[in-house]
PDB file of all heavy atoms in Angstrom:
ATOM      1  N   SER A   1      13.090   9.989 -52.228  1.00  0.00           N
ATOM      2  CA  SER A   1      14.532  10.515 -52.257  1.00  0.00           C
ATOM      3  C   SER A   1      15.522   9.397 -51.944  1.00  0.00           C
ATOM      4  O   SER A   1      16.530   9.248 -52.639  1.00  0.00           O
ATOM      5  CB  SER A   1      14.694  11.707 -51.329  1.00  0.00           C
ATOM      6  OG  SER A   1      16.087  12.104 -51.207  1.00  0.00           O
ATOM      7  N   ARG A   2      15.248   8.595 -50.972  1.00  0.00           N
ATOM      8  CA  ARG A   2      16.075   7.493 -50.539  1.00  0.00           C
ATOM      9  C   ARG A   2      16.385   6.567 -51.745  1.00  0.00           C
ATOM     10  O   ARG A   2      17.470   6.018 -51.807  1.00  0.00           O
ATOM     11  CB  ARG A   2      15.508   6.811 -49.309  1.00  0.00           C
ATOM     12  CG  ARG A   2      16.372   5.771 -48.600  1.00  0.00           C
ATOM     13  CD  ARG A   2      15.737   5.224 -47.465  1.00  0.00           C
ATOM     14  NE  ARG A   2      15.276   6.299 -46.553  1.00  0.00           N
ATOM     15  CZ  ARG A   2      14.093   6.414 -46.083  1.00  0.00           C
ATOM     16  NH1 ARG A   2      13.071   5.548 -46.422  1.00  0.00           N
ATOM     17  NH2 ARG A   2      13.784   7.397 -45.242  1.00  0.00           N
ATOM     18  N   HIS A   3      15.286   6.306 -52.534  1.00  0.00           N
ATOM     19  CA  HIS A   3      15.450   5.305 -53.672  1.00  0.00           C
ATOM     20  C   HIS A   3      15.595   5.935 -55.010  1.00  0.00           C
ATOM     21  O   HIS A   3      15.538   5.238 -56.042  1.00  0.00           O
ATOM     22  CB  HIS A   3      14.243   4.351 -53.580  1.00  0.00           C
ATOM     23  CG  HIS A   3      14.287   3.505 -52.435  1.00  0.00           C
ATOM     24  ND1 HIS A   3      14.837   2.267 -52.341  1.00  0.00           N
ATOM     25  CD2 HIS A   3      13.645   3.657 -51.188  1.00  0.00           C
ATOM     26  CE1 HIS A   3      14.664   1.742 -51.083  1.00  0.00           C
ATOM     27  NE2 HIS A   3      13.990   2.603 -50.390  1.00  0.00           N
ATOM     28  N   GLY A   4      15.799   7.282 -55.021  1.00  0.00           N
ATOM     29  CA  GLY A   4      16.007   7.920 -56.312  1.00  0.00           C
ATOM     30  C   GLY A   4      14.782   7.929 -57.210  1.00  0.00           C
ATOM     31  O   GLY A   4      14.986   7.757 -58.521  1.00  0.00           O
ATOM     32  N   LEU A   5      13.597   8.005 -56.597  1.00  0.00           N
ATOM     33  CA  LEU A   5      12.310   7.867 -57.422  1.00  0.00           C
ATOM     34  C   LEU A   5      11.876   9.268 -57.841  1.00  0.00           C
ATOM     35  O   LEU A   5      11.642  10.055 -56.810  1.00  0.00           O
ATOM     36  CB  LEU A   5      11.310   7.121 -56.642  1.00  0.00           C
ATOM     37  CG  LEU A   5      11.731   5.581 -56.281  1.00  0.00           C
ATOM     38  CD1 LEU A   5      10.631   5.036 -55.398  1.00  0.00           C
ATOM     39  CD2 LEU A   5      11.893   4.790 -57.594  1.00  0.00           C
ATOM     40  N   ASP A   6      11.549   9.440 -59.090  1.00  0.00           N
ATOM     41  CA  ASP A   6      10.989  10.721 -59.447  1.00  0.00           C
ATOM     42  C   ASP A   6       9.428  10.375 -59.802  1.00  0.00           C
ATOM     43  O   ASP A   6       9.043  10.173 -60.852  1.00  0.00           O
ATOM     44  CB  ASP A   6      11.657  11.293 -60.744  1.00  0.00           C
ATOM     45  CG  ASP A   6      11.078  12.583 -61.231  1.00  0.00           C
ATOM     46  OD1 ASP A   6      10.330  13.203 -60.414  1.00  0.00           O
ATOM     47  OD2 ASP A   6      11.194  12.968 -62.377  1.00  0.00           O
ATOM     48  N   VAL A   7       8.725  10.320 -58.732  1.00  0.00           N
ATOM     49  CA  VAL A   7       7.291   9.839 -58.749  1.00  0.00           C
ATOM     50  C   VAL A   7       6.394  10.854 -57.879  1.00  0.00           C
ATOM     51  O   VAL A   7       6.967  11.418 -56.916  1.00  0.00           O
ATOM     52  CB  VAL A   7       7.058   8.401 -58.290  1.00  0.00           C
ATOM     53  CG1 VAL A   7       7.728   7.458 -59.198  1.00  0.00           C
ATOM     54  CG2 VAL A   7       7.479   8.298 -56.834  1.00  0.00           C
ATOM     55  N   PRO A   8       5.137  10.922 -58.187  1.00  0.00           N
ATOM     56  CA  PRO A   8       4.350  11.795 -57.369  1.00  0.00           C
ATOM     57  C   PRO A   8       4.051  11.072 -55.950  1.00  0.00           C
ATOM     58  O   PRO A   8       4.109   9.827 -55.824  1.00  0.00           O
ATOM     59  CB  PRO A   8       3.059  11.867 -58.129  1.00  0.00           C
ATOM     60  CG  PRO A   8       2.936  10.721 -58.985  1.00  0.00           C
ATOM     61  CD  PRO A   8       4.478  10.365 -59.372  1.00  0.00           C
ATOM     62  N   VAL A   9       3.833  11.928 -54.933  1.00  0.00           N
ATOM     63  CA  VAL A   9       3.469  11.410 -53.587  1.00  0.00           C
ATOM     64  C   VAL A   9       2.108  11.860 -53.265  1.00  0.00           C
ATOM     65  O   VAL A   9       1.674  13.021 -53.712  1.00  0.00           O
ATOM     66  CB  VAL A   9       4.562  11.891 -52.595  1.00  0.00           C
ATOM     67  CG1 VAL A   9       5.932  11.332 -52.944  1.00  0.00           C
ATOM     68  CG2 VAL A   9       4.394  13.424 -52.426  1.00  0.00           C
ATOM     69  N   PHE A  10       1.483  11.156 -52.471  1.00  0.00           N
ATOM     70  CA  PHE A  10      -0.014  11.416 -52.137  1.00  0.00           C
ATOM     71  C   PHE A  10      -0.203  11.068 -50.718  1.00  0.00           C
ATOM     72  O   PHE A  10       0.528  10.363 -50.026  1.00  0.00           O
ATOM     73  CB  PHE A  10      -0.942  10.498 -52.865  1.00  0.00           C
ATOM     74  CG  PHE A  10      -0.855  10.646 -54.379  1.00  0.00           C
ATOM     75  CD1 PHE A  10       0.119   9.736 -55.015  1.00  0.00           C
ATOM     76  CD2 PHE A  10      -1.545  11.428 -55.109  1.00  0.00           C
ATOM     77  CE1 PHE A  10       0.359   9.873 -56.552  1.00  0.00           C
ATOM     78  CE2 PHE A  10      -1.422  11.526 -56.547  1.00  0.00           C
ATOM     79  CZ  PHE A  10      -0.439  10.722 -57.191  1.00  0.00           C
ATOM     80  N   THR A  11      -1.178  11.629 -50.108  1.00  0.00           N
ATOM     81  CA  THR A  11      -1.648  11.395 -48.737  1.00  0.00           C
ATOM     82  C   THR A  11      -3.015  10.484 -48.674  1.00  0.00           C
ATOM     83  O   THR A  11      -3.393  10.110 -47.688  1.00  0.00           O
ATOM     84  CB  THR A  11      -1.843  12.642 -47.837  1.00  0.00           C
ATOM     85  OG1 THR A  11      -2.811  13.411 -48.619  1.00  0.00           O
ATOM     86  CG2 THR A  11      -0.597  13.371 -47.680  1.00  0.00           C
ATOM     87  N   HIS A  12      -3.553  10.286 -49.850  1.00  0.00           N
ATOM     88  CA  HIS A  12      -4.820   9.504 -50.042  1.00  0.00           C
ATOM     89  C   HIS A  12      -4.627   8.532 -51.140  1.00  0.00           C
ATOM     90  O   HIS A  12      -4.420   8.768 -52.243  1.00  0.00           O
ATOM     91  CB  HIS A  12      -6.080  10.348 -50.204  1.00  0.00           C
ATOM     92  CG  HIS A  12      -6.438  11.325 -49.177  1.00  0.00           C
ATOM     93  ND1 HIS A  12      -5.857  12.574 -49.001  1.00  0.00           N
ATOM     94  CD2 HIS A  12      -7.157  11.158 -48.027  1.00  0.00           C
ATOM     95  CE1 HIS A  12      -6.303  13.173 -47.813  1.00  0.00           C
ATOM     96  NE2 HIS A  12      -7.113  12.252 -47.259  1.00  0.00           N
ATOM     97  N   LEU A  13      -5.017   7.224 -50.768  1.00  0.00           N
ATOM     98  CA  LEU A  13      -4.765   6.155 -51.712  1.00  0.00           C
ATOM     99  C   LEU A  13      -5.738   6.262 -52.889  1.00  0.00           C
ATOM    100  O   LEU A  13      -5.311   6.071 -54.090  1.00  0.00           O
ATOM    101  CB  LEU A  13      -4.948   4.862 -51.032  1.00  0.00           C
ATOM    102  CG  LEU A  13      -4.828   3.571 -52.001  1.00  0.00           C
ATOM    103  CD1 LEU A  13      -3.524   3.557 -52.718  1.00  0.00           C
ATOM    104  CD2 LEU A  13      -5.115   2.377 -51.220  1.00  0.00           C
ATOM    105  N   ALA A  14      -6.946   6.633 -52.633  1.00  0.00           N
ATOM    106  CA  ALA A  14      -8.005   6.675 -53.849  1.00  0.00           C
ATOM    107  C   ALA A  14      -7.525   7.780 -54.788  1.00  0.00           C
ATOM    108  O   ALA A  14      -7.655   7.495 -56.065  1.00  0.00           O
ATOM    109  CB  ALA A  14      -9.325   6.994 -53.241  1.00  0.00           C
ATOM    110  N   GLU A  15      -6.997   8.809 -54.285  1.00  0.00           N
ATOM    111  CA  GLU A  15      -6.522   9.895 -55.322  1.00  0.00           C
ATOM    112  C   GLU A  15      -5.267   9.411 -56.010  1.00  0.00           C
ATOM    113  O   GLU A  15      -5.115   9.616 -57.265  1.00  0.00           O
ATOM    114  CB  GLU A  15      -6.178  11.078 -54.505  1.00  0.00           C
ATOM    115  CG  GLU A  15      -5.622  12.312 -55.436  1.00  0.00           C
ATOM    116  CD  GLU A  15      -6.708  12.778 -56.413  1.00  0.00           C
ATOM    117  OE1 GLU A  15      -7.907  12.431 -56.351  1.00  0.00           O
ATOM    118  OE2 GLU A  15      -6.247  13.441 -57.349  1.00  0.00           O
ATOM    119  N   ALA A  16      -4.344   8.689 -55.366  1.00  0.00           N
ATOM    120  CA  ALA A  16      -3.232   8.156 -56.103  1.00  0.00           C
ATOM    121  C   ALA A  16      -3.645   7.200 -57.113  1.00  0.00           C
ATOM    122  O   ALA A  16      -3.031   7.226 -58.237  1.00  0.00           O
ATOM    123  CB  ALA A  16      -2.372   7.409 -55.034  1.00  0.00           C
ATOM    124  N   ILE A  17      -4.571   6.275 -56.776  1.00  0.00           N
ATOM    125  CA  ILE A  17      -5.059   5.269 -57.805  1.00  0.00           C
ATOM    126  C   ILE A  17      -5.724   6.094 -58.956  1.00  0.00           C
ATOM    127  O   ILE A  17      -5.559   5.818 -60.175  1.00  0.00           O
ATOM    128  CB  ILE A  17      -6.059   4.378 -57.222  1.00  0.00           C
ATOM    129  CG1 ILE A  17      -5.267   3.480 -56.219  1.00  0.00           C
ATOM    130  CG2 ILE A  17      -6.667   3.500 -58.299  1.00  0.00           C
ATOM    131  CD1 ILE A  17      -6.234   2.576 -55.420  1.00  0.00           C
ATOM    132  N   ARG A  18      -6.495   7.120 -58.676  1.00  0.00           N
ATOM    133  CA  ARG A  18      -7.201   7.855 -59.781  1.00  0.00           C
ATOM    134  C   ARG A  18      -6.232   8.570 -60.734  1.00  0.00           C
ATOM    135  O   ARG A  18      -6.442   8.380 -61.942  1.00  0.00           O
ATOM    136  CB  ARG A  18      -8.201   8.842 -59.169  1.00  0.00           C
ATOM    137  CG  ARG A  18      -9.072   9.569 -60.176  1.00  0.00           C
ATOM    138  CD  ARG A  18      -9.856  10.672 -59.576  1.00  0.00           C
ATOM    139  NE  ARG A  18      -9.019  11.765 -59.159  1.00  0.00           N
ATOM    140  CZ  ARG A  18      -8.596  12.652 -60.026  1.00  0.00           C
ATOM    141  NH1 ARG A  18      -8.856  12.728 -61.317  1.00  0.00           N
ATOM    142  NH2 ARG A  18      -7.795  13.711 -59.499  1.00  0.00           N
ATOM    143  N   GLN A  19      -5.208   9.006 -60.191  1.00  0.00           N
ATOM    144  CA  GLN A  19      -4.206   9.816 -61.058  1.00  0.00           C
ATOM    145  C   GLN A  19      -3.268   8.829 -61.768  1.00  0.00           C
ATOM    146  O   GLN A  19      -2.870   9.198 -62.947  1.00  0.00           O
ATOM    147  CB  GLN A  19      -3.483  10.810 -60.219  1.00  0.00           C
ATOM    148  CG  GLN A  19      -4.215  11.892 -59.685  1.00  0.00           C
ATOM    149  CD  GLN A  19      -3.371  13.108 -59.232  1.00  0.00           C
ATOM    150  OE1 GLN A  19      -2.330  13.297 -59.685  1.00  0.00           O
ATOM    151  NE2 GLN A  19      -3.951  13.832 -58.198  1.00  0.00           N
ATOM    152  N   THR A  20      -2.813   7.785 -61.151  1.00  0.00           N
ATOM    153  CA  THR A  20      -1.774   6.961 -61.739  1.00  0.00           C
ATOM    154  C   THR A  20      -2.211   5.752 -62.374  1.00  0.00           C
ATOM    155  O   THR A  20      -1.490   5.072 -63.127  1.00  0.00           O
ATOM    156  CB  THR A  20      -0.661   6.643 -60.632  1.00  0.00           C
ATOM    157  OG1 THR A  20      -1.364   5.720 -59.634  1.00  0.00           O
ATOM    158  CG2 THR A  20      -0.121   7.869 -59.972  1.00  0.00           C
ATOM    159  N   LYS A  21      -3.375   5.260 -61.939  1.00  0.00           N
ATOM    160  CA  LYS A  21      -4.027   3.967 -62.752  1.00  0.00           C
ATOM    161  C   LYS A  21      -3.087   2.775 -62.504  1.00  0.00           C
ATOM    162  O   LYS A  21      -2.666   2.214 -63.561  1.00  0.00           O
ATOM    163  CB  LYS A  21      -4.338   4.350 -64.101  1.00  0.00           C
ATOM    164  CG  LYS A  21      -5.530   5.314 -64.282  1.00  0.00           C
ATOM    165  CD  LYS A  21      -5.858   5.604 -65.735  1.00  0.00           C
ATOM    166  CE  LYS A  21      -7.006   6.517 -65.835  1.00  0.00           C
ATOM    167  NZ  LYS A  21      -6.944   7.717 -65.009  1.00  0.00           N
ATOM    168  N   PRO A  22      -2.684   2.404 -61.362  1.00  0.00           N
ATOM    169  CA  PRO A  22      -1.756   1.284 -61.190  1.00  0.00           C
ATOM    170  C   PRO A  22      -2.434  -0.082 -61.339  1.00  0.00           C
ATOM    171  O   PRO A  22      -3.619  -0.214 -61.365  1.00  0.00           O
ATOM    172  CB  PRO A  22      -1.375   1.434 -59.697  1.00  0.00           C
ATOM    173  CG  PRO A  22      -2.554   1.936 -59.077  1.00  0.00           C
ATOM    174  CD  PRO A  22      -3.113   2.898 -60.034  1.00  0.00           C
ATOM    175  N   ASP A  23      -1.621  -1.195 -61.574  1.00  0.00           N
ATOM    176  CA  ASP A  23      -2.033  -2.433 -61.560  1.00  0.00           C
ATOM    177  C   ASP A  23      -2.100  -3.123 -60.175  1.00  0.00           C
ATOM    178  O   ASP A  23      -2.893  -3.905 -59.954  1.00  0.00           O
ATOM    179  CB  ASP A  23      -1.137  -3.301 -62.502  1.00  0.00           C
ATOM    180  CG  ASP A  23      -1.023  -2.716 -63.811  1.00  0.00           C
ATOM    181  OD1 ASP A  23      -2.043  -2.657 -64.602  1.00  0.00           O
ATOM    182  OD2 ASP A  23       0.058  -2.366 -64.274  1.00  0.00           O
ATOM    183  N   ILE A  24      -1.123  -2.653 -59.319  1.00  0.00           N
ATOM    184  CA  ILE A  24      -0.920  -3.308 -58.090  1.00  0.00           C
ATOM    185  C   ILE A  24      -0.692  -2.362 -56.953  1.00  0.00           C
ATOM    186  O   ILE A  24      -0.050  -1.344 -57.244  1.00  0.00           O
ATOM    187  CB  ILE A  24       0.391  -4.273 -57.968  1.00  0.00           C
ATOM    188  CG1 ILE A  24       0.294  -5.194 -59.194  1.00  0.00           C
ATOM    189  CG2 ILE A  24       0.607  -4.901 -56.704  1.00  0.00           C
ATOM    190  CD1 ILE A  24       1.680  -5.981 -59.364  1.00  0.00           C
ATOM    191  N   VAL A  25      -1.364  -2.506 -55.835  1.00  0.00           N
ATOM    192  CA  VAL A  25      -1.003  -1.736 -54.645  1.00  0.00           C
ATOM    193  C   VAL A  25      -0.269  -2.511 -53.617  1.00  0.00           C
ATOM    194  O   VAL A  25      -0.666  -3.657 -53.236  1.00  0.00           O
ATOM    195  CB  VAL A  25      -2.329  -1.201 -53.961  1.00  0.00           C
ATOM    196  CG1 VAL A  25      -2.026  -0.643 -52.692  1.00  0.00           C
ATOM    197  CG2 VAL A  25      -3.053  -0.197 -54.908  1.00  0.00           C
ATOM    198  N   PHE A  26       0.888  -2.033 -53.338  1.00  0.00           N
ATOM    199  CA  PHE A  26       1.699  -2.705 -52.100  1.00  0.00           C
ATOM    200  C   PHE A  26       1.180  -2.010 -50.874  1.00  0.00           C
ATOM    201  O   PHE A  26       1.245  -0.738 -50.678  1.00  0.00           O
ATOM    202  CB  PHE A  26       3.216  -2.347 -52.237  1.00  0.00           C
ATOM    203  CG  PHE A  26       3.940  -3.096 -53.315  1.00  0.00           C
ATOM    204  CD1 PHE A  26       3.371  -4.109 -54.038  1.00  0.00           C
ATOM    205  CD2 PHE A  26       5.344  -2.925 -53.369  1.00  0.00           C
ATOM    206  CE1 PHE A  26       4.103  -4.892 -54.907  1.00  0.00           C
ATOM    207  CE2 PHE A  26       6.098  -3.655 -54.133  1.00  0.00           C
ATOM    208  CZ  PHE A  26       5.478  -4.713 -55.024  1.00  0.00           C
ATOM    209  N   ASP A  27       0.593  -2.849 -49.992  1.00  0.00           N
ATOM    210  CA  ASP A  27       0.100  -2.346 -48.749  1.00  0.00           C
ATOM    211  C   ASP A  27       1.078  -2.561 -47.602  1.00  0.00           C
ATOM    212  O   ASP A  27       1.215  -3.703 -47.194  1.00  0.00           O
ATOM    213  CB  ASP A  27      -1.337  -2.947 -48.395  1.00  0.00           C
ATOM    214  CG  ASP A  27      -1.777  -2.536 -47.068  1.00  0.00           C
ATOM    215  OD1 ASP A  27      -1.329  -1.533 -46.500  1.00  0.00           O
ATOM    216  OD2 ASP A  27      -2.853  -3.066 -46.654  1.00  0.00           O
ATOM    217  N   ILE A  28       1.804  -1.576 -47.164  1.00  0.00           N
ATOM    218  CA  ILE A  28       2.843  -1.748 -46.078  1.00  0.00           C
ATOM    219  C   ILE A  28       2.435  -0.788 -44.900  1.00  0.00           C
ATOM    220  O   ILE A  28       3.283  -0.242 -44.274  1.00  0.00           O
ATOM    221  CB  ILE A  28       4.281  -1.402 -46.649  1.00  0.00           C
ATOM    222  CG1 ILE A  28       4.328  -1.838 -48.109  1.00  0.00           C
ATOM    223  CG2 ILE A  28       5.180  -2.123 -45.856  1.00  0.00           C
ATOM    224  CD1 ILE A  28       5.456  -1.370 -48.909  1.00  0.00           C
ATOM    225  N   THR A  29       1.200  -0.572 -44.830  1.00  0.00           N
ATOM    226  CA  THR A  29       0.564   0.258 -43.752  1.00  0.00           C
ATOM    227  C   THR A  29       0.497  -0.508 -42.476  1.00  0.00           C
ATOM    228  O   THR A  29       0.755  -1.734 -42.427  1.00  0.00           O
ATOM    229  CB  THR A  29      -0.743   0.821 -44.133  1.00  0.00           C
ATOM    230  OG1 THR A  29      -1.786  -0.288 -44.257  1.00  0.00           O
ATOM    231  CG2 THR A  29      -0.760   1.604 -45.389  1.00  0.00           C
ATOM    232  N   ILE A  30       0.102   0.037 -41.345  1.00  0.00           N
ATOM    233  CA  ILE A  30      -0.050  -0.644 -40.053  1.00  0.00           C
ATOM    234  C   ILE A  30      -1.280  -1.525 -40.267  1.00  0.00           C
ATOM    235  O   ILE A  30      -2.224  -1.248 -41.051  1.00  0.00           O
ATOM    236  CB  ILE A  30      -0.270   0.430 -39.048  1.00  0.00           C
ATOM    237  CG1 ILE A  30      -1.621   1.239 -39.154  1.00  0.00           C
ATOM    238  CG2 ILE A  30       1.027   1.335 -38.792  1.00  0.00           C
ATOM    239  CD1 ILE A  30      -1.896   2.208 -38.006  1.00  0.00           C
ATOM    240  N   PRO A  31      -1.282  -2.536 -39.392  1.00  0.00           N
ATOM    241  CA  PRO A  31      -2.480  -3.501 -39.548  1.00  0.00           C
ATOM    242  C   PRO A  31      -3.825  -2.903 -39.449  1.00  0.00           C
ATOM    243  O   PRO A  31      -4.735  -3.397 -40.163  1.00  0.00           O
ATOM    244  CB  PRO A  31      -2.207  -4.483 -38.252  1.00  0.00           C
ATOM    245  CG  PRO A  31      -0.719  -4.475 -38.256  1.00  0.00           C
ATOM    246  CD  PRO A  31      -0.278  -2.948 -38.465  1.00  0.00           C
ATOM    247  N   ASP A  32      -4.044  -1.922 -38.638  1.00  0.00           N
ATOM    248  CA  ASP A  32      -5.327  -1.315 -38.467  1.00  0.00           C
ATOM    249  C   ASP A  32      -5.771  -0.660 -39.823  1.00  0.00           C
ATOM    250  O   ASP A  32      -7.025  -0.413 -40.113  1.00  0.00           O
ATOM    251  CB  ASP A  32      -5.395  -0.252 -37.459  1.00  0.00           C
ATOM    252  CG  ASP A  32      -5.470  -0.866 -36.044  1.00  0.00           C
ATOM    253  OD1 ASP A  32      -5.830  -2.086 -35.991  1.00  0.00           O
ATOM    254  OD2 ASP A  32      -5.238  -0.094 -34.996  1.00  0.00           O
TER     255      ASP A  32
END
């Protein structure tokens, strides 16, 4: 909403990759 994006949201990365087939993953999670 903050960035005006009309994209799906997920709680699991593997499922997000399976559905959207991206080229790049931006990892901005906590170090652990």
